[in-house]
Structure formats: C-alpha cells, structure tokens
Amino acid sequence: MAGVVHIPWYATLFRGDRFAAAIAEPAAAALRYNATRYTVHRSRDDAYRFDHMIWFEDKLDWLRYWEGPEMSHFRASYSGWYQVPVLYYWADEVVFDAIEESGVDAAATPEPAPSA
C-alpha cells in the first residue's frame, strides 16, 4: 500500500523565507529515491510552519531518502533554521482523488462572439 510521509518543519524566527528556498532542493531529491510525488506547503496563518509530504510505495525507499546525502546535508547545514526535534510520520494513503487541470489558460481563451 502506498504511503505518505509527513514532515512538519517549523522555521526559526526571521528564517521563513530563506527556509522555503532552502528546502526546495532536498525535497526534489526524493524523486531519485523512488518517491512518486512530493509537496512542501507553507502555512498562510503561520509563515514559519511548513508541511513537507512525500509519497513512497516502499518505506525502505523513504528511509534511504531521509538518511541519504541530500537530507543529511540539509539537516546538518540548516540545523539552526528549524526547530528540533523533527518528528516525521508515515501514513497509509486510504483514498485519493483529484481533478486534472485542463492546461487551458482561461484568460487567454477568447470570449465568444455575441449572438445577433
């Protein structure tokens, strides 16, 4: 069963913007460890709160990613930029659905001609 790992990051004071930029590279590295998807969300109510989610088919792939060079380097290099401990958790995905984006820019679509 597919799983998703939730990592709640909390940036330290005045480092929210820099943390947002810094987490982008190691987040993307998850795809090299067989992740099927990743997201990082920043709270609009609390600019220091980040929710990092990564989908894996196999928990071992998650562990390889978390202990791999990209995340180890990130945690060591930016350890003063977020609060510790970082308590991630693995969750089983029970149900999922989505509406696919059509790829059509509504602003670029011409208005229909008025009927006479």
PDB file of N, CA and C in Angstrom:
ATOM      1  N   MET A   1       0.845  -1.173   0.000  1.00  0.00           N
ATOM      2  CA  MET A   1       0.000   0.000   0.000  1.00  0.00           C
ATOM      3  C   MET A   1       0.896   1.245   0.000  1.00  0.00           C
ATOM      4  N   ALA A   2       0.559   2.181  -0.845  1.00  0.00           N
ATOM      5  CA  ALA A   2       1.321   3.425  -0.917  1.00  0.00           C
ATOM      6  C   ALA A   2       1.228   4.161   0.409  1.00  0.00           C
ATOM      7  N   GLY A   3       2.282   4.874   0.718  1.00  0.00           N
ATOM      8  CA  GLY A   3       2.307   5.650   1.940  1.00  0.00           C
ATOM      9  C   GLY A   3       2.800   7.051   1.672  1.00  0.00           C
ATOM     10  N   VAL A   4       2.484   7.910   2.596  1.00  0.00           N
ATOM     11  CA  VAL A   4       2.946   9.292   2.507  1.00  0.00           C
ATOM     12  C   VAL A   4       3.603   9.641   3.844  1.00  0.00           C
ATOM     13  N   VAL A   5       4.762  10.253   3.740  1.00  0.00           N
ATOM     14  CA  VAL A   5       5.475  10.684   4.935  1.00  0.00           C
ATOM     15  C   VAL A   5       5.196  12.169   5.130  1.00  0.00           C
ATOM     16  N   HIS A   6       4.823  12.525   6.342  1.00  0.00           N
ATOM     17  CA  HIS A   6       4.572  13.917   6.700  1.00  0.00           C
ATOM     18  C   HIS A   6       5.738  14.385   7.570  1.00  0.00           C
ATOM     19  N   ILE A   7       6.346  15.490   7.166  1.00  0.00           N
ATOM     20  CA  ILE A   7       7.430  16.080   7.950  1.00  0.00           C
ATOM     21  C   ILE A   7       7.011  17.500   8.314  1.00  0.00           C
ATOM     22  N   PRO A   8       6.685  17.739   9.567  1.00  0.00           N
ATOM     23  CA  PRO A   8       6.312  19.093   9.968  1.00  0.00           C
ATOM     24  C   PRO A   8       7.565  19.899  10.347  1.00  0.00           C
ATOM     25  N   TRP A   9       7.962  20.814   9.492  1.00  0.00           N
ATOM     26  CA  TRP A   9       9.092  21.694   9.779  1.00  0.00           C
ATOM     27  C   TRP A   9       8.558  22.975  10.406  1.00  0.00           C
ATOM     28  N   TYR A  10       9.318  23.548  11.316  1.00  0.00           N
ATOM     29  CA  TYR A  10       8.964  24.849  11.870  1.00  0.00           C
ATOM     30  C   TYR A  10      10.225  25.704  11.851  1.00  0.00           C
ATOM     31  N   ALA A  11      10.233  26.689  10.961  1.00  0.00           N
ATOM     32  CA  ALA A  11      11.406  27.552  10.798  1.00  0.00           C
ATOM     33  C   ALA A  11      11.589  28.450  12.017  1.00  0.00           C
ATOM     34  N   THR A  12      12.839  28.773  12.297  1.00  0.00           N
ATOM     35  CA  THR A  12      13.125  29.670  13.409  1.00  0.00           C
ATOM     36  C   THR A  12      12.877  31.118  12.988  1.00  0.00           C
ATOM     37  N   LEU A  13      12.803  31.985  13.956  1.00  0.00           N
ATOM     38  CA  LEU A  13      12.432  33.382  13.767  1.00  0.00           C
ATOM     39  C   LEU A  13      13.226  34.050  12.651  1.00  0.00           C
ATOM     40  N   PHE A  14      12.523  34.744  11.776  1.00  0.00           N
ATOM     41  CA  PHE A  14      13.069  35.511  10.656  1.00  0.00           C
ATOM     42  C   PHE A  14      13.720  34.642   9.573  1.00  0.00           C
ATOM     43  N   ARG A  15      13.498  33.335   9.605  1.00  0.00           N
ATOM     44  CA  ARG A  15      14.112  32.473   8.597  1.00  0.00           C
ATOM     45  C   ARG A  15      13.088  31.782   7.710  1.00  0.00           C
ATOM     46  N   GLY A  16      11.843  32.169   7.774  1.00  0.00           N
ATOM     47  CA  GLY A  16      10.801  31.522   6.991  1.00  0.00           C
ATOM     48  C   GLY A  16      11.057  31.579   5.495  1.00  0.00           C
ATOM     49  N   ASP A  17      11.374  32.750   4.966  1.00  0.00           N
ATOM     50  CA  ASP A  17      11.600  32.891   3.524  1.00  0.00           C
ATOM     51  C   ASP A  17      12.837  32.119   3.086  1.00  0.00           C
ATOM     52  N   ARG A  18      13.898  32.217   3.849  1.00  0.00           N
ATOM     53  CA  ARG A  18      15.124  31.503   3.493  1.00  0.00           C
ATOM     54  C   ARG A  18      14.943  29.997   3.616  1.00  0.00           C
ATOM     55  N   PHE A  19      14.180  29.557   4.625  1.00  0.00           N
ATOM     56  CA  PHE A  19      13.918  28.125   4.769  1.00  0.00           C
ATOM     57  C   PHE A  19      13.115  27.624   3.576  1.00  0.00           C
ATOM     58  N   ALA A  20      12.134  28.385   3.128  1.00  0.00           N
ATOM     59  CA  ALA A  20      11.318  27.996   1.981  1.00  0.00           C
ATOM     60  C   ALA A  20      12.191  27.761   0.752  1.00  0.00           C
ATOM     61  N   ALA A  21      13.168  28.619   0.544  1.00  0.00           N
ATOM     62  CA  ALA A  21      14.072  28.451  -0.596  1.00  0.00           C
ATOM     63  C   ALA A  21      15.014  27.264  -0.384  1.00  0.00           C
ATOM     64  N   ALA A  22      15.479  27.077   0.845  1.00  0.00           N
ATOM     65  CA  ALA A  22      16.462  26.030   1.134  1.00  0.00           C
ATOM     66  C   ALA A  22      15.874  24.625   1.036  1.00  0.00           C
ATOM     67  N   ILE A  23      14.605  24.440   1.375  1.00  0.00           N
ATOM     68  CA  ILE A  23      14.020  23.102   1.398  1.00  0.00           C
ATOM     69  C   ILE A  23      13.695  22.590  -0.012  1.00  0.00           C
ATOM     70  N   ALA A  24      13.665  23.467  -0.998  1.00  0.00           N
ATOM     71  CA  ALA A  24      13.273  23.073  -2.354  1.00  0.00           C
ATOM     72  C   ALA A  24      14.183  21.995  -2.949  1.00  0.00           C
ATOM     73  N   GLU A  25      15.485  22.149  -2.832  1.00  0.00           N
ATOM     74  CA  GLU A  25      16.413  21.190  -3.443  1.00  0.00           C
ATOM     75  C   GLU A  25      16.346  19.806  -2.800  1.00  0.00           C
ATOM     76  N   PRO A  26      16.457  19.687  -1.478  1.00  0.00           N
ATOM     77  CA  PRO A  26      16.368  18.341  -0.905  1.00  0.00           C
ATOM     78  C   PRO A  26      14.975  17.726  -1.044  1.00  0.00           C
ATOM     79  N   ALA A  27      13.946  18.538  -1.128  1.00  0.00           N
ATOM     80  CA  ALA A  27      12.598  17.996  -1.339  1.00  0.00           C
ATOM     81  C   ALA A  27      12.525  17.312  -2.698  1.00  0.00           C
ATOM     82  N   ALA A  28      13.073  17.956  -3.718  1.00  0.00           N
ATOM     83  CA  ALA A  28      13.049  17.400  -5.075  1.00  0.00           C
ATOM     84  C   ALA A  28      13.883  16.125  -5.187  1.00  0.00           C
ATOM     85  N   ALA A  29      14.885  15.981  -4.357  1.00  0.00           N
ATOM     86  CA  ALA A  29      15.743  14.791  -4.395  1.00  0.00           C
ATOM     87  C   ALA A  29      14.971  13.520  -4.073  1.00  0.00           C
ATOM     88  N   ALA A  30      13.817  13.619  -3.457  1.00  0.00           N
ATOM     89  CA  ALA A  30      13.016  12.436  -3.124  1.00  0.00           C
ATOM     90  C   ALA A  30      12.674  11.609  -4.355  1.00  0.00           C
ATOM     91  N   LEU A  31      12.534  12.261  -5.491  1.00  0.00           N
ATOM     92  CA  LEU A  31      12.189  11.536  -6.715  1.00  0.00           C
ATOM     93  C   LEU A  31      13.295  10.571  -7.128  1.00  0.00           C
ATOM     94  N   ARG A  32      14.536  10.871  -6.753  1.00  0.00           N
ATOM     95  CA  ARG A  32      15.650   9.966  -7.058  1.00  0.00           C
ATOM     96  C   ARG A  32      15.642   8.731  -6.158  1.00  0.00           C
ATOM     97  N   TYR A  33      14.805   8.745  -5.126  1.00  0.00           N
ATOM     98  CA  TYR A  33      14.698   7.618  -4.195  1.00  0.00           C
ATOM     99  C   TYR A  33      13.353   6.897  -4.373  1.00  0.00           C
ATOM    100  N   ASN A  34      12.804   6.996  -5.567  1.00  0.00           N
ATOM    101  CA  ASN A  34      11.563   6.312  -5.935  1.00  0.00           C
ATOM    102  C   ASN A  34      10.305   6.915  -5.328  1.00  0.00           C
ATOM    103  N   ALA A  35      10.366   8.138  -4.880  1.00  0.00           N
ATOM    104  CA  ALA A  35       9.139   8.812  -4.464  1.00  0.00           C
ATOM    105  C   ALA A  35       8.297   9.036  -5.711  1.00  0.00           C
ATOM    106  N   THR A  36       6.995   8.984  -5.545  1.00  0.00           N
ATOM    107  CA  THR A  36       6.114   9.221  -6.680  1.00  0.00           C
ATOM    108  C   THR A  36       5.625  10.663  -6.725  1.00  0.00           C
ATOM    109  N   ARG A  37       5.764  11.369  -5.616  1.00  0.00           N
ATOM    110  CA  ARG A  37       5.284  12.743  -5.536  1.00  0.00           C
ATOM    111  C   ARG A  37       5.858  13.377  -4.276  1.00  0.00           C
ATOM    112  N   TYR A  38       6.011  14.684  -4.301  1.00  0.00           N
ATOM    113  CA  TYR A  38       6.372  15.407  -3.083  1.00  0.00           C
ATOM    114  C   TYR A  38       5.725  16.786  -3.127  1.00  0.00           C
ATOM    115  N   THR A  39       5.463  17.343  -1.973  1.00  0.00           N
ATOM    116  CA  THR A  39       4.961  18.710  -1.865  1.00  0.00           C
ATOM    117  C   THR A  39       5.548  19.330  -0.609  1.00  0.00           C
ATOM    118  N   VAL A  40       5.679  20.623  -0.626  1.00  0.00           N
ATOM    119  CA  VAL A  40       6.016  21.391   0.570  1.00  0.00           C
ATOM    120  C   VAL A  40       5.015  22.536   0.630  1.00  0.00           C
ATOM    121  N   HIS A  41       4.267  22.600   1.700  1.00  0.00           N
ATOM    122  CA  HIS A  41       3.275  23.660   1.895  1.00  0.00           C
ATOM    123  C   HIS A  41       3.744  24.597   2.997  1.00  0.00           C
ATOM    124  N   ARG A  42       3.482  25.870   2.797  1.00  0.00           N
ATOM    125  CA  ARG A  42       3.778  26.874   3.820  1.00  0.00           C
ATOM    126  C   ARG A  42       2.453  27.450   4.296  1.00  0.00           C
ATOM    127  N   SER A  43       2.271  27.479   5.584  1.00  0.00           N
ATOM    128  CA  SER A  43       1.030  27.978   6.164  1.00  0.00           C
ATOM    129  C   SER A  43       0.869  29.472   5.892  1.00  0.00           C
ATOM    130  N   ARG A  44      -0.318  29.871   5.545  1.00  0.00           N
ATOM    131  CA  ARG A  44      -0.606  31.302   5.381  1.00  0.00           C
ATOM    132  C   ARG A  44      -0.892  31.956   6.730  1.00  0.00           C
ATOM    133  N   ASP A  45      -1.304  31.167   7.706  1.00  0.00           N
ATOM    134  CA  ASP A  45      -1.587  31.709   9.031  1.00  0.00           C
ATOM    135  C   ASP A  45      -0.341  31.828   9.896  1.00  0.00           C
ATOM    136  N   ASP A  46       0.632  30.957   9.661  1.00  0.00           N
ATOM    137  CA  ASP A  46       1.880  30.940  10.433  1.00  0.00           C
ATOM    138  C   ASP A  46       3.016  30.746   9.436  1.00  0.00           C
ATOM    139  N   ALA A  47       3.664  31.822   9.034  1.00  0.00           N
ATOM    140  CA  ALA A  47       4.671  31.790   7.957  1.00  0.00           C
ATOM    141  C   ALA A  47       5.900  30.960   8.285  1.00  0.00           C
ATOM    142  N   TYR A  48       6.017  30.491   9.526  1.00  0.00           N
ATOM    143  CA  TYR A  48       7.167  29.663   9.903  1.00  0.00           C
ATOM    144  C   TYR A  48       6.847  28.174   9.864  1.00  0.00           C
ATOM    145  N   ARG A  49       5.599  27.829   9.605  1.00  0.00           N
ATOM    146  CA  ARG A  49       5.175  26.430   9.604  1.00  0.00           C
ATOM    147  C   ARG A  49       5.161  25.884   8.178  1.00  0.00           C
ATOM    148  N   PHE A  50       5.839  24.739   7.984  1.00  0.00           N
ATOM    149  CA  PHE A  50       5.913  24.077   6.691  1.00  0.00           C
ATOM    150  C   PHE A  50       5.477  22.628   6.847  1.00  0.00           C
ATOM    151  N   ASP A  51       4.702  22.138   5.904  1.00  0.00           N
ATOM    152  CA  ASP A  51       4.298  20.737   5.869  1.00  0.00           C
ATOM    153  C   ASP A  51       4.904  20.126   4.614  1.00  0.00           C
ATOM    154  N   HIS A  52       5.811  19.196   4.807  1.00  0.00           N
ATOM    155  CA  HIS A  52       6.538  18.536   3.726  1.00  0.00           C
ATOM    156  C   HIS A  52       5.968  17.127   3.629  1.00  0.00           C
ATOM    157  N   MET A  53       5.462  16.753   2.451  1.00  0.00           N
ATOM    158  CA  MET A  53       4.870  15.434   2.266  1.00  0.00           C
ATOM    159  C   MET A  53       5.526  14.750   1.076  1.00  0.00           C
ATOM    160  N   ILE A  54       5.801  13.455   1.242  1.00  0.00           N
ATOM    161  CA  ILE A  54       6.453  12.680   0.199  1.00  0.00           C
ATOM    162  C   ILE A  54       5.768  11.319   0.109  1.00  0.00           C
ATOM    163  N   TRP A  55       5.380  10.941  -1.103  1.00  0.00           N
ATOM    164  CA  TRP A  55       4.694   9.674  -1.333  1.00  0.00           C
ATOM    165  C   TRP A  55       5.694   8.616  -1.798  1.00  0.00           C
ATOM    166  N   PHE A  56       5.649   7.462  -1.141  1.00  0.00           N
ATOM    167  CA  PHE A  56       6.503   6.327  -1.492  1.00  0.00           C
ATOM    168  C   PHE A  56       5.654   5.062  -1.552  1.00  0.00           C
ATOM    169  N   GLU A  57       6.064   4.125  -2.390  1.00  0.00           N
ATOM    170  CA  GLU A  57       5.439   2.807  -2.419  1.00  0.00           C
ATOM    171  C   GLU A  57       6.048   1.907  -1.343  1.00  0.00           C
ATOM    172  N   ASP A  58       7.294   2.163  -0.984  1.00  0.00           N
ATOM    173  CA  ASP A  58       8.049   1.297  -0.076  1.00  0.00           C
ATOM    174  C   ASP A  58       8.686   2.148   1.023  1.00  0.00           C
ATOM    175  N   LYS A  59       8.477   1.760   2.257  1.00  0.00           N
ATOM    176  CA  LYS A  59       9.026   2.526   3.373  1.00  0.00           C
ATOM    177  C   LYS A  59      10.551   2.521   3.375  1.00  0.00           C
ATOM    178  N   LEU A  60      11.161   1.473   2.850  1.00  0.00           N
ATOM    179  CA  LEU A  60      12.621   1.417   2.774  1.00  0.00           C
ATOM    180  C   LEU A  60      13.168   2.544   1.889  1.00  0.00           C
ATOM    181  N   ASP A  61      12.452   2.875   0.813  1.00  0.00           N
ATOM    182  CA  ASP A  61      12.872   3.999  -0.027  1.00  0.00           C
ATOM    183  C   ASP A  61      12.842   5.308   0.759  1.00  0.00           C
ATOM    184  N   TRP A  62      11.828   5.456   1.604  1.00  0.00           N
ATOM    185  CA  TRP A  62      11.757   6.634   2.461  1.00  0.00           C
ATOM    186  C   TRP A  62      12.978   6.710   3.371  1.00  0.00           C
ATOM    187  N   LEU A  63      13.320   5.609   4.001  1.00  0.00           N
ATOM    188  CA  LEU A  63      14.460   5.603   4.921  1.00  0.00           C
ATOM    189  C   LEU A  63      15.766   5.909   4.189  1.00  0.00           C
ATOM    190  N   ARG A  64      15.905   5.409   2.982  1.00  0.00           N
ATOM    191  CA  ARG A  64      17.096   5.725   2.183  1.00  0.00           C
ATOM    192  C   ARG A  64      17.159   7.216   1.875  1.00  0.00           C
ATOM    193  N   TYR A  65      16.030   7.801   1.571  1.00  0.00           N
ATOM    194  CA  TYR A  65      15.981   9.241   1.297  1.00  0.00           C
ATOM    195  C   TYR A  65      16.319  10.038   2.555  1.00  0.00           C
ATOM    196  N   TRP A  66      15.672   9.742   3.666  1.00  0.00           N
ATOM    197  CA  TRP A  66      15.857  10.503   4.907  1.00  0.00           C
ATOM    198  C   TRP A  66      17.298  10.428   5.402  1.00  0.00           C
ATOM    199  N   GLU A  67      17.922   9.272   5.250  1.00  0.00           N
ATOM    200  CA  GLU A  67      19.301   9.105   5.695  1.00  0.00           C
ATOM    201  C   GLU A  67      20.315   9.326   4.573  1.00  0.00           C
ATOM    202  N   GLY A  68      19.840   9.639   3.380  1.00  0.00           N
ATOM    203  CA  GLY A  68      20.716   9.854   2.226  1.00  0.00           C
ATOM    204  C   GLY A  68      21.495  11.151   2.322  1.00  0.00           C
ATOM    205  N   PRO A  69      22.422  11.367   1.401  1.00  0.00           N
ATOM    206  CA  PRO A  69      23.302  12.529   1.478  1.00  0.00           C
ATOM    207  C   PRO A  69      22.577  13.864   1.361  1.00  0.00           C
ATOM    208  N   GLU A  70      21.508  13.935   0.567  1.00  0.00           N
ATOM    209  CA  GLU A  70      20.818  15.212   0.385  1.00  0.00           C
ATOM    210  C   GLU A  70      20.148  15.685   1.680  1.00  0.00           C
ATOM    211  N   MET A  71      19.378  14.789   2.294  1.00  0.00           N
ATOM    212  CA  MET A  71      18.676  15.181   3.524  1.00  0.00           C
ATOM    213  C   MET A  71      19.627  15.279   4.705  1.00  0.00           C
ATOM    214  N   SER A  72      20.631  14.431   4.765  1.00  0.00           N
ATOM    215  CA  SER A  72      21.619  14.533   5.852  1.00  0.00           C
ATOM    216  C   SER A  72      22.350  15.868   5.768  1.00  0.00           C
ATOM    217  N   HIS A  73      22.739  16.252   4.564  1.00  0.00           N
ATOM    218  CA  HIS A  73      23.421  17.535   4.362  1.00  0.00           C
ATOM    219  C   HIS A  73      22.488  18.690   4.717  1.00  0.00           C
ATOM    220  N   PHE A  74      21.239  18.609   4.286  1.00  0.00           N
ATOM    221  CA  PHE A  74      20.284  19.667   4.604  1.00  0.00           C
ATOM    222  C   PHE A  74      20.105  19.820   6.110  1.00  0.00           C
ATOM    223  N   ARG A  75      19.880  18.709   6.803  1.00  0.00           N
ATOM    224  CA  ARG A  75      19.653  18.781   8.245  1.00  0.00           C
ATOM    225  C   ARG A  75      20.876  19.324   8.973  1.00  0.00           C
ATOM    226  N   ALA A  76      22.070  18.968   8.517  1.00  0.00           N
ATOM    227  CA  ALA A  76      23.296  19.456   9.163  1.00  0.00           C
ATOM    228  C   ALA A  76      23.549  20.924   8.832  1.00  0.00           C
ATOM    229  N   SER A  77      23.375  21.298   7.581  1.00  0.00           N
ATOM    230  CA  SER A  77      23.688  22.661   7.145  1.00  0.00           C
ATOM    231  C   SER A  77      22.688  23.691   7.656  1.00  0.00           C
ATOM    232  N   TYR A  78      21.444  23.299   7.800  1.00  0.00           N
ATOM    233  CA  TYR A  78      20.400  24.249   8.175  1.00  0.00           C
ATOM    234  C   TYR A  78      19.810  23.956   9.547  1.00  0.00           C
ATOM    235  N   SER A  79      20.557  23.271  10.394  1.00  0.00           N
ATOM    236  CA  SER A  79      20.015  22.855  11.695  1.00  0.00           C
ATOM    237  C   SER A  79      19.566  24.029  12.561  1.00  0.00           C
ATOM    238  N   GLY A  80      20.124  25.191  12.375  1.00  0.00           N
ATOM    239  CA  GLY A  80      19.690  26.361  13.143  1.00  0.00           C
ATOM    240  C   GLY A  80      18.513  27.082  12.520  1.00  0.00           C
ATOM    241  N   TRP A  81      18.056  26.607  11.380  1.00  0.00           N
ATOM    242  CA  TRP A  81      16.973  27.276  10.665  1.00  0.00           C
ATOM    243  C   TRP A  81      15.601  26.685  10.966  1.00  0.00           C
ATOM    244  N   TYR A  82      15.552  25.577  11.707  1.00  0.00           N
ATOM    245  CA  TYR A  82      14.285  24.954  12.041  1.00  0.00           C
ATOM    246  C   TYR A  82      14.361  24.404  13.462  1.00  0.00           C
ATOM    247  N   GLN A  83      13.175  24.248  14.047  1.00  0.00           N
ATOM    248  CA  GLN A  83      13.123  23.741  15.420  1.00  0.00           C
ATOM    249  C   GLN A  83      13.270  22.225  15.422  1.00  0.00           C
ATOM    250  N   VAL A  84      13.948  21.739  16.443  1.00  0.00           N
ATOM    251  CA  VAL A  84      14.105  20.306  16.630  1.00  0.00           C
ATOM    252  C   VAL A  84      13.372  19.908  17.907  1.00  0.00           C
ATOM    253  N   PRO A  85      12.932  18.684  18.020  1.00  0.00           N
ATOM    254  CA  PRO A  85      13.120  17.597  17.073  1.00  0.00           C
ATOM    255  C   PRO A  85      12.151  17.695  15.893  1.00  0.00           C
ATOM    256  N   VAL A  86      12.532  17.081  14.791  1.00  0.00           N
ATOM    257  CA  VAL A  86      11.669  16.951  13.624  1.00  0.00           C
ATOM    258  C   VAL A  86      11.042  15.561  13.728  1.00  0.00           C
ATOM    259  N   LEU A  87       9.764  15.518  13.986  1.00  0.00           N
ATOM    260  CA  LEU A  87       9.071  14.250  14.214  1.00  0.00           C
ATOM    261  C   LEU A  87       8.191  13.920  13.012  1.00  0.00           C
ATOM    262  N   TYR A  88       8.753  13.213  12.049  1.00  0.00           N
ATOM    263  CA  TYR A  88       8.005  12.811  10.869  1.00  0.00           C
ATOM    264  C   TYR A  88       7.166  11.586  11.199  1.00  0.00           C
ATOM    265  N   TYR A  89       6.176  11.325  10.335  1.00  0.00           N
ATOM    266  CA  TYR A  89       5.410  10.094  10.495  1.00  0.00           C
ATOM    267  C   TYR A  89       4.964   9.569   9.129  1.00  0.00           C
ATOM    268  N   TRP A  90       4.839   8.252   9.050  1.00  0.00           N
ATOM    269  CA  TRP A  90       4.416   7.539   7.857  1.00  0.00           C
ATOM    270  C   TRP A  90       2.919   7.287   7.982  1.00  0.00           C
ATOM    271  N   ALA A  91       2.173   7.570   6.924  1.00  0.00           N
ATOM    272  CA  ALA A  91       0.734   7.310   6.913  1.00  0.00           C
ATOM    273  C   ALA A  91       0.390   6.521   5.665  1.00  0.00           C
ATOM    274  N   ASP A  92      -0.550   5.599   5.790  1.00  0.00           N
ATOM    275  CA  ASP A  92      -1.038   4.863   4.631  1.00  0.00           C
ATOM    276  C   ASP A  92      -2.076   5.720   3.918  1.00  0.00           C
ATOM    277  N   GLU A  93      -1.979   5.754   2.606  1.00  0.00           N
ATOM    278  CA  GLU A  93      -2.960   6.502   1.824  1.00  0.00           C
ATOM    279  C   GLU A  93      -4.179   5.617   1.638  1.00  0.00           C
ATOM    280  N   VAL A  94      -5.292   6.038   2.170  1.00  0.00           N
ATOM    281  CA  VAL A  94      -6.509   5.234   2.155  1.00  0.00           C
ATOM    282  C   VAL A  94      -7.352   5.530   0.918  1.00  0.00           C
ATOM    283  N   VAL A  95      -7.476   6.801   0.568  1.00  0.00           N
ATOM    284  CA  VAL A  95      -8.269   7.186  -0.586  1.00  0.00           C
ATOM    285  C   VAL A  95      -7.655   8.442  -1.198  1.00  0.00           C
ATOM    286  N   PHE A  96      -7.777   8.551  -2.511  1.00  0.00           N
ATOM    287  CA  PHE A  96      -7.211   9.701  -3.211  1.00  0.00           C
ATOM    288  C   PHE A  96      -8.043   9.962  -4.450  1.00  0.00           C
ATOM    289  N   ASP A  97      -8.262  11.212  -4.756  1.00  0.00           N
ATOM    290  CA  ASP A  97      -8.924  11.612  -5.990  1.00  0.00           C
ATOM    291  C   ASP A  97      -8.445  13.018  -6.316  1.00  0.00           C
ATOM    292  N   ALA A  98      -8.559  13.401  -7.561  1.00  0.00           N
ATOM    293  CA  ALA A  98      -8.131  14.738  -7.965  1.00  0.00           C
ATOM    294  C   ALA A  98      -8.855  15.127  -9.238  1.00  0.00           C
ATOM    295  N   ILE A  99      -8.922  16.403  -9.468  1.00  0.00           N
ATOM    296  CA  ILE A  99      -9.437  16.940 -10.721  1.00  0.00           C
ATOM    297  C   ILE A  99      -8.231  17.381 -11.517  1.00  0.00           C
ATOM    298  N   GLU A 100      -8.064  16.818 -12.699  1.00  0.00           N
ATOM    299  CA  GLU A 100      -6.922  17.156 -13.541  1.00  0.00           C
ATOM    300  C   GLU A 100      -7.097  18.556 -14.093  1.00  0.00           C
ATOM    301  N   GLU A 101      -6.003  19.293 -14.152  1.00  0.00           N
ATOM    302  CA  GLU A 101      -6.029  20.620 -14.752  1.00  0.00           C
ATOM    303  C   GLU A 101      -6.082  20.455 -16.259  1.00  0.00           C
ATOM    304  N   SER A 102      -6.875  21.277 -16.904  1.00  0.00           N
ATOM    305  CA  SER A 102      -7.051  21.140 -18.356  1.00  0.00           C
ATOM    306  C   SER A 102      -5.868  21.686 -19.131  1.00  0.00           C
ATOM    307  N   GLY A 103      -5.092  22.568 -18.538  1.00  0.00           N
ATOM    308  CA  GLY A 103      -3.950  23.148 -19.230  1.00  0.00           C
ATOM    309  C   GLY A 103      -4.340  24.334 -20.084  1.00  0.00           C
ATOM    310  N   VAL A 104      -5.612  24.699 -20.108  1.00  0.00           N
ATOM    311  CA  VAL A 104      -6.079  25.841 -20.891  1.00  0.00           C
ATOM    312  C   VAL A 104      -6.128  27.055 -19.981  1.00  0.00           C
ATOM    313  N   ASP A 105      -5.501  28.119 -20.406  1.00  0.00           N
ATOM    314  CA  ASP A 105      -5.497  29.361 -19.651  1.00  0.00           C
ATOM    315  C   ASP A 105      -6.792  30.097 -19.952  1.00  0.00           C
ATOM    316  N   ALA A 106      -7.663  30.220 -18.957  1.00  0.00           N
ATOM    317  CA  ALA A 106      -8.956  30.859 -19.165  1.00  0.00           C
ATOM    318  C   ALA A 106      -8.796  32.312 -19.611  1.00  0.00           C
ATOM    319  N   ALA A 107      -7.762  32.983 -19.136  1.00  0.00           N
ATOM    320  CA  ALA A 107      -7.549  34.381 -19.514  1.00  0.00           C
ATOM    321  C   ALA A 107      -7.177  34.501 -20.986  1.00  0.00           C
ATOM    322  N   ALA A 108      -6.567  33.469 -21.562  1.00  0.00           N
ATOM    323  CA  ALA A 108      -6.139  33.512 -22.957  1.00  0.00           C
ATOM    324  C   ALA A 108      -7.231  33.034 -23.906  1.00  0.00           C
ATOM    325  N   THR A 109      -8.319  32.471 -23.368  1.00  0.00           N
ATOM    326  CA  THR A 109      -9.404  31.978 -24.198  1.00  0.00           C
ATOM    327  C   THR A 109     -10.267  33.158 -24.627  1.00  0.00           C
ATOM    328  N   PRO A 110     -10.476  33.335 -25.938  1.00  0.00           N
ATOM    329  CA  PRO A 110     -11.271  34.471 -26.389  1.00  0.00           C
ATOM    330  C   PRO A 110     -12.734  34.314 -25.980  1.00  0.00           C
ATOM    331  N   GLU A 111     -13.365  35.428 -25.739  1.00  0.00           N
ATOM    332  CA  GLU A 111     -14.789  35.431 -25.413  1.00  0.00           C
ATOM    333  C   GLU A 111     -15.579  35.050 -26.654  1.00  0.00           C
ATOM    334  N   PRO A 112     -16.678  34.331 -26.483  1.00  0.00           N
ATOM    335  CA  PRO A 112     -17.491  34.010 -27.662  1.00  0.00           C
ATOM    336  C   PRO A 112     -18.117  35.282 -28.234  1.00  0.00           C
ATOM    337  N   ALA A 113     -18.300  35.270 -29.533  1.00  0.00           N
ATOM    338  CA  ALA A 113     -18.901  36.418 -30.204  1.00  0.00           C
ATOM    339  C   ALA A 113     -20.352  36.549 -29.754  1.00  0.00           C
ATOM    340  N   PRO A 114     -20.813  37.791 -29.526  1.00  0.00           N
ATOM    341  CA  PRO A 114     -22.211  37.959 -29.125  1.00  0.00           C
ATOM    342  C   PRO A 114     -23.153  37.531 -30.250  1.00  0.00           C
ATOM    343  N   SER A 115     -24.241  36.901 -29.872  1.00  0.00           N
ATOM    344  CA  SER A 115     -25.205  36.494 -30.901  1.00  0.00           C
ATOM    345  C   SER A 115     -26.107  37.674 -31.246  1.00  0.00           C
ATOM    346  N   ALA A 116     -26.444  37.733 -32.520  1.00  0.00           N
ATOM    347  CA  ALA A 116     -27.217  38.866 -33.003  1.00  0.00           C
ATOM    348  C   ALA A 116     -28.691  38.650 -32.886  1.00  0.00           C
TER     349      ALA A 116
END
